[in-house]
Amino acid sequence: EPSLLRFLVCPLSKRPLRYEEATNELINEEQGIAYPIIDGIPHMIPEAARTTRKEPPAASSEQP
């Protein structure tokens, strides 16, 4: 239900999530993770999330 989206937040960062209709997921842009929605139920368990970034964030990369 789209109206409930304003009440859902990421369990890790406590920030709002964005619904991605193409993949049927709730996206946390800051963390680079996506929570699946299965049978209309958001699976907001960190272990169920997938990574959306292709490369690690700059903060975790090694510096010379």
PDB file of N, CA and C in Angstrom:
ATOM      1  N   GLU A   1       0.847  -1.185   0.000  1.00  0.00           N
ATOM      2  CA  GLU A   1       0.000   0.000   0.000  1.00  0.00           C
ATOM      3  C   GLU A   1       0.895   1.252   0.000  1.00  0.00           C
ATOM      4  N   PRO A   2       0.842   2.047  -1.044  1.00  0.00           N
ATOM      5  CA  PRO A   2       1.699   3.234  -1.150  1.00  0.00           C
ATOM      6  C   PRO A   2       1.546   4.226   0.000  1.00  0.00           C
ATOM      7  N   SER A   3       0.361   4.350   0.574  1.00  0.00           N
ATOM      8  CA  SER A   3       0.177   5.320   1.658  1.00  0.00           C
ATOM      9  C   SER A   3       0.932   4.917   2.927  1.00  0.00           C
ATOM     10  N   LEU A   4       1.263   3.650   3.065  1.00  0.00           N
ATOM     11  CA  LEU A   4       2.005   3.188   4.244  1.00  0.00           C
ATOM     12  C   LEU A   4       3.509   3.448   4.138  1.00  0.00           C
ATOM     13  N   LEU A   5       3.973   3.780   2.942  1.00  0.00           N
ATOM     14  CA  LEU A   5       5.404   3.987   2.726  1.00  0.00           C
ATOM     15  C   LEU A   5       5.979   5.069   3.629  1.00  0.00           C
ATOM     16  N   ARG A   6       5.185   6.068   3.952  1.00  0.00           N
ATOM     17  CA  ARG A   6       5.691   7.156   4.802  1.00  0.00           C
ATOM     18  C   ARG A   6       5.989   6.696   6.221  1.00  0.00           C
ATOM     19  N   PHE A   7       5.456   5.547   6.630  1.00  0.00           N
ATOM     20  CA  PHE A   7       5.702   5.026   7.973  1.00  0.00           C
ATOM     21  C   PHE A   7       6.871   4.043   8.036  1.00  0.00           C
ATOM     22  N   LEU A   8       7.299   3.550   6.879  1.00  0.00           N
ATOM     23  CA  LEU A   8       8.368   2.560   6.848  1.00  0.00           C
ATOM     24  C   LEU A   8       9.729   3.242   6.771  1.00  0.00           C
ATOM     25  N   VAL A   9      10.653   2.775   7.593  1.00  0.00           N
ATOM     26  CA  VAL A   9      12.017   3.286   7.572  1.00  0.00           C
ATOM     27  C   VAL A   9      12.979   2.096   7.555  1.00  0.00           C
ATOM     28  N   CYS A  10      14.184   2.355   7.122  1.00  0.00           N
ATOM     29  CA  CYS A  10      15.210   1.322   7.096  1.00  0.00           C
ATOM     30  C   CYS A  10      15.538   0.905   8.530  1.00  0.00           C
ATOM     31  N   PRO A  11      15.577  -0.385   8.823  1.00  0.00           N
ATOM     32  CA  PRO A  11      15.902  -0.824  10.178  1.00  0.00           C
ATOM     33  C   PRO A  11      17.351  -0.530  10.570  1.00  0.00           C
ATOM     34  N   LEU A  12      18.219  -0.296   9.605  1.00  0.00           N
ATOM     35  CA  LEU A  12      19.618  -0.003   9.915  1.00  0.00           C
ATOM     36  C   LEU A  12      19.869   1.486  10.154  1.00  0.00           C
ATOM     37  N   SER A  13      19.373   2.322   9.245  1.00  0.00           N
ATOM     38  CA  SER A  13      19.657   3.759   9.335  1.00  0.00           C
ATOM     39  C   SER A  13      18.504   4.589   9.886  1.00  0.00           C
ATOM     40  N   LYS A  14      17.315   3.991   9.975  1.00  0.00           N
ATOM     41  CA  LYS A  14      16.098   4.695  10.433  1.00  0.00           C
ATOM     42  C   LYS A  14      15.705   5.831   9.492  1.00  0.00           C
ATOM     43  N   ARG A  15      16.149   5.758   8.240  1.00  0.00           N
ATOM     44  CA  ARG A  15      15.833   6.766   7.226  1.00  0.00           C
ATOM     45  C   ARG A  15      14.698   6.271   6.336  1.00  0.00           C
ATOM     46  N   PRO A  16      13.965   7.181   5.697  1.00  0.00           N
ATOM     47  CA  PRO A  16      12.868   6.784   4.799  1.00  0.00           C
ATOM     48  C   PRO A  16      13.381   5.933   3.638  1.00  0.00           C
ATOM     49  N   LEU A  17      12.488   5.126   3.107  1.00  0.00           N
ATOM     50  CA  LEU A  17      12.798   4.254   1.986  1.00  0.00           C
ATOM     51  C   LEU A  17      12.025   4.704   0.754  1.00  0.00           C
ATOM     52  N   ARG A  18      12.556   4.377  -0.402  1.00  0.00           N
ATOM     53  CA  ARG A  18      11.913   4.702  -1.676  1.00  0.00           C
ATOM     54  C   ARG A  18      11.413   3.408  -2.302  1.00  0.00           C
ATOM     55  N   TYR A  19      10.182   3.423  -2.783  1.00  0.00           N
ATOM     56  CA  TYR A  19       9.637   2.240  -3.445  1.00  0.00           C
ATOM     57  C   TYR A  19      10.054   2.225  -4.900  1.00  0.00           C
ATOM     58  N   GLU A  20      10.608   1.115  -5.346  1.00  0.00           N
ATOM     59  CA  GLU A  20      10.996   0.930  -6.743  1.00  0.00           C
ATOM     60  C   GLU A  20      10.030  -0.070  -7.371  1.00  0.00           C
ATOM     61  N   GLU A  21       9.123   0.447  -8.210  1.00  0.00           N
ATOM     62  CA  GLU A  21       8.083  -0.391  -8.802  1.00  0.00           C
ATOM     63  C   GLU A  21       8.655  -1.452  -9.738  1.00  0.00           C
ATOM     64  N   ALA A  22       9.702  -1.114 -10.476  1.00  0.00           N
ATOM     65  CA  ALA A  22      10.274  -2.047 -11.458  1.00  0.00           C
ATOM     66  C   ALA A  22      10.786  -3.329 -10.811  1.00  0.00           C
ATOM     67  N   THR A  23      11.334  -3.221  -9.606  1.00  0.00           N
ATOM     68  CA  THR A  23      11.892  -4.392  -8.929  1.00  0.00           C
ATOM     69  C   THR A  23      11.059  -4.832  -7.728  1.00  0.00           C
ATOM     70  N   ASN A  24      10.027  -4.053  -7.393  1.00  0.00           N
ATOM     71  CA  ASN A  24       9.166  -4.329  -6.237  1.00  0.00           C
ATOM     72  C   ASN A  24       9.997  -4.420  -4.954  1.00  0.00           C
ATOM     73  N   GLU A  25      10.776  -3.366  -4.715  1.00  0.00           N
ATOM     74  CA  GLU A  25      11.660  -3.313  -3.555  1.00  0.00           C
ATOM     75  C   GLU A  25      11.562  -1.955  -2.873  1.00  0.00           C
ATOM     76  N   LEU A  26      11.969  -1.926  -1.622  1.00  0.00           N
ATOM     77  CA  LEU A  26      12.132  -0.683  -0.883  1.00  0.00           C
ATOM     78  C   LEU A  26      13.620  -0.388  -0.846  1.00  0.00           C
ATOM     79  N   ILE A  27      13.995   0.789  -1.336  1.00  0.00           N
ATOM     80  CA  ILE A  27      15.399   1.137  -1.531  1.00  0.00           C
ATOM     81  C   ILE A  27      15.867   2.140  -0.482  1.00  0.00           C
ATOM     82  N   ASN A  28      17.049   1.874   0.081  1.00  0.00           N
ATOM     83  CA  ASN A  28      17.743   2.822   0.938  1.00  0.00           C
ATOM     84  C   ASN A  28      18.927   3.315   0.117  1.00  0.00           C
ATOM     85  N   GLU A  29      18.823   4.522  -0.431  1.00  0.00           N
ATOM     86  CA  GLU A  29      19.864   5.081  -1.291  1.00  0.00           C
ATOM     87  C   GLU A  29      21.174   5.283  -0.532  1.00  0.00           C
ATOM     88  N   GLU A  30      21.101   5.762   0.712  1.00  0.00           N
ATOM     89  CA  GLU A  30      22.299   6.050   1.497  1.00  0.00           C
ATOM     90  C   GLU A  30      23.111   4.795   1.792  1.00  0.00           C
ATOM     91  N   GLN A  31      22.448   3.723   2.165  1.00  0.00           N
ATOM     92  CA  GLN A  31      23.117   2.478   2.506  1.00  0.00           C
ATOM     93  C   GLN A  31      23.412   1.619   1.276  1.00  0.00           C
ATOM     94  N   GLY A  32      22.717   1.897   0.173  1.00  0.00           N
ATOM     95  CA  GLY A  32      22.913   1.114  -1.034  1.00  0.00           C
ATOM     96  C   GLY A  32      22.353  -0.292  -0.911  1.00  0.00           C
ATOM     97  N   ILE A  33      21.178  -0.402  -0.281  1.00  0.00           N
ATOM     98  CA  ILE A  33      20.549  -1.707  -0.112  1.00  0.00           C
ATOM     99  C   ILE A  33      19.079  -1.643  -0.514  1.00  0.00           C
ATOM    100  N   ALA A  34      18.533  -2.805  -0.856  1.00  0.00           N
ATOM    101  CA  ALA A  34      17.136  -2.909  -1.275  1.00  0.00           C
ATOM    102  C   ALA A  34      16.484  -4.070  -0.536  1.00  0.00           C
ATOM    103  N   TYR A  35      15.323  -3.797   0.041  1.00  0.00           N
ATOM    104  CA  TYR A  35      14.549  -4.814   0.745  1.00  0.00           C
ATOM    105  C   TYR A  35      13.449  -5.326  -0.179  1.00  0.00           C
ATOM    106  N   PRO A  36      13.333  -6.633  -0.343  1.00  0.00           N
ATOM    107  CA  PRO A  36      12.302  -7.172  -1.233  1.00  0.00           C
ATOM    108  C   PRO A  36      10.905  -7.072  -0.634  1.00  0.00           C
ATOM    109  N   ILE A  37       9.925  -6.985  -1.504  1.00  0.00           N
ATOM    110  CA  ILE A  37       8.517  -7.050  -1.100  1.00  0.00           C
ATOM    111  C   ILE A  37       7.979  -8.339  -1.703  1.00  0.00           C
ATOM    112  N   ILE A  38       7.608  -9.277  -0.839  1.00  0.00           N
ATOM    113  CA  ILE A  38       7.144 -10.589  -1.280  1.00  0.00           C
ATOM    114  C   ILE A  38       5.694 -10.770  -0.852  1.00  0.00           C
ATOM    115  N   ASP A  39       4.826 -11.033  -1.819  1.00  0.00           N
ATOM    116  CA  ASP A  39       3.388 -11.188  -1.566  1.00  0.00           C
ATOM    117  C   ASP A  39       2.810  -9.986  -0.825  1.00  0.00           C
ATOM    118  N   GLY A  40       3.310  -8.784  -1.169  1.00  0.00           N
ATOM    119  CA  GLY A  40       2.807  -7.559  -0.563  1.00  0.00           C
ATOM    120  C   GLY A  40       3.374  -7.237   0.804  1.00  0.00           C
ATOM    121  N   ILE A  41       4.310  -8.053   1.285  1.00  0.00           N
ATOM    122  CA  ILE A  41       4.887  -7.846   2.619  1.00  0.00           C
ATOM    123  C   ILE A  41       6.355  -7.453   2.485  1.00  0.00           C
ATOM    124  N   PRO A  42       6.752  -6.282   3.004  1.00  0.00           N
ATOM    125  CA  PRO A  42       8.158  -5.897   2.968  1.00  0.00           C
ATOM    126  C   PRO A  42       8.985  -6.791   3.899  1.00  0.00           C
ATOM    127  N   HIS A  43      10.043  -7.359   3.366  1.00  0.00           N
ATOM    128  CA  HIS A  43      10.971  -8.177   4.163  1.00  0.00           C
ATOM    129  C   HIS A  43      12.140  -7.280   4.549  1.00  0.00           C
ATOM    130  N   MET A  44      11.978  -6.590   5.667  1.00  0.00           N
ATOM    131  CA  MET A  44      12.944  -5.574   6.081  1.00  0.00           C
ATOM    132  C   MET A  44      13.933  -6.117   7.100  1.00  0.00           C
ATOM    133  N   ILE A  45      14.390  -7.309   6.863  1.00  0.00           N
ATOM    134  CA  ILE A  45      15.439  -7.921   7.664  1.00  0.00           C
ATOM    135  C   ILE A  45      16.750  -7.648   6.930  1.00  0.00           C
ATOM    136  N   PRO A  46      17.746  -7.086   7.596  1.00  0.00           N
ATOM    137  CA  PRO A  46      18.999  -6.766   6.896  1.00  0.00           C
ATOM    138  C   PRO A  46      19.584  -7.946   6.110  1.00  0.00           C
ATOM    139  N   GLU A  47      19.432  -9.156   6.613  1.00  0.00           N
ATOM    140  CA  GLU A  47      19.947 -10.325   5.908  1.00  0.00           C
ATOM    141  C   GLU A  47      19.188 -10.604   4.609  1.00  0.00           C
ATOM    142  N   ALA A  48      17.956 -10.119   4.497  1.00  0.00           N
ATOM    143  CA  ALA A  48      17.149 -10.320   3.291  1.00  0.00           C
ATOM    144  C   ALA A  48      17.430  -9.258   2.228  1.00  0.00           C
ATOM    145  N   ALA A  49      18.121  -8.198   2.600  1.00  0.00           N
ATOM    146  CA  ALA A  49      18.384  -7.100   1.667  1.00  0.00           C
ATOM    147  C   ALA A  49      19.493  -7.475   0.690  1.00  0.00           C
ATOM    148  N   ARG A  50      19.419  -6.866  -0.476  1.00  0.00           N
ATOM    149  CA  ARG A  50      20.495  -7.041  -1.457  1.00  0.00           C
ATOM    150  C   ARG A  50      21.226  -5.709  -1.620  1.00  0.00           C
ATOM    151  N   THR A  51      22.465  -5.787  -2.033  1.00  0.00           N
ATOM    152  CA  THR A  51      23.271  -4.595  -2.265  1.00  0.00           C
ATOM    153  C   THR A  51      22.926  -4.023  -3.630  1.00  0.00           C
ATOM    154  N   THR A  52      22.768  -2.709  -3.687  1.00  0.00           N
ATOM    155  CA  THR A  52      22.447  -2.060  -4.958  1.00  0.00           C
ATOM    156  C   THR A  52      23.666  -1.402  -5.588  1.00  0.00           C
ATOM    157  N   ARG A  53      24.732  -1.256  -4.841  1.00  0.00           N
ATOM    158  CA  ARG A  53      25.946  -0.623  -5.373  1.00  0.00           C
ATOM    159  C   ARG A  53      26.814  -1.660  -6.065  1.00  0.00           C
ATOM    160  N   LYS A  54      27.406  -1.237  -7.174  1.00  0.00           N
ATOM    161  CA  LYS A  54      28.303  -2.124  -7.901  1.00  0.00           C
ATOM    162  C   LYS A  54      29.708  -2.095  -7.318  1.00  0.00           C
ATOM    163  N   GLU A  55      30.059  -1.014  -6.674  1.00  0.00           N
ATOM    164  CA  GLU A  55      31.374  -0.905  -6.049  1.00  0.00           C
ATOM    165  C   GLU A  55      31.206  -0.378  -4.640  1.00  0.00           C
ATOM    166  N   PRO A  56      32.165  -0.667  -3.750  1.00  0.00           N
ATOM    167  CA  PRO A  56      32.033  -0.214  -2.365  1.00  0.00           C
ATOM    168  C   PRO A  56      32.047   1.307  -2.270  1.00  0.00           C
ATOM    169  N   PRO A  57      31.421   1.873  -1.233  1.00  0.00           N
ATOM    170  CA  PRO A  57      31.426   3.329  -1.070  1.00  0.00           C
ATOM    171  C   PRO A  57      32.846   3.862  -0.870  1.00  0.00           C
ATOM    172  N   ALA A  58      33.070   5.109  -1.223  1.00  0.00           N
ATOM    173  CA  ALA A  58      34.400   5.723  -1.152  1.00  0.00           C
ATOM    174  C   ALA A  58      34.954   5.729   0.264  1.00  0.00           C
ATOM    175  N   ALA A  59      34.106   5.829   1.256  1.00  0.00           N
ATOM    176  CA  ALA A  59      34.563   5.894   2.648  1.00  0.00           C
ATOM    177  C   ALA A  59      35.267   4.608   3.063  1.00  0.00           C
ATOM    178  N   SER A  60      34.932   3.482   2.465  1.00  0.00           N
ATOM    179  CA  SER A  60      35.553   2.229   2.868  1.00  0.00           C
ATOM    180  C   SER A  60      36.710   1.821   1.977  1.00  0.00           C
ATOM    181  N   SER A  61      37.001   2.604   0.939  1.00  0.00           N
ATOM    182  CA  SER A  61      38.115   2.249   0.053  1.00  0.00           C
ATOM    183  C   SER A  61      39.443   2.663   0.691  1.00  0.00           C
ATOM    184  N   GLU A  62      40.485   1.951   0.273  1.00  0.00           N
ATOM    185  CA  GLU A  62      41.807   2.238   0.824  1.00  0.00           C
ATOM    186  C   GLU A  62      42.362   3.512   0.212  1.00  0.00           C
ATOM    187  N   GLN A  63      43.089   4.256   1.039  1.00  0.00           N
ATOM    188  CA  GLN A  63      43.735   5.473   0.562  1.00  0.00           C
ATOM    189  C   GLN A  63      45.234   5.305   0.706  1.00  0.00           C
ATOM    190  N   PRO A  64      46.031   5.823  -0.259  1.00  0.00           N
ATOM    191  CA  PRO A  64      47.494   5.657  -0.191  1.00  0.00           C
ATOM    192  C   PRO A  64      48.116   6.379   0.964  1.00  0.00           C
TER     193      PRO A  64
END
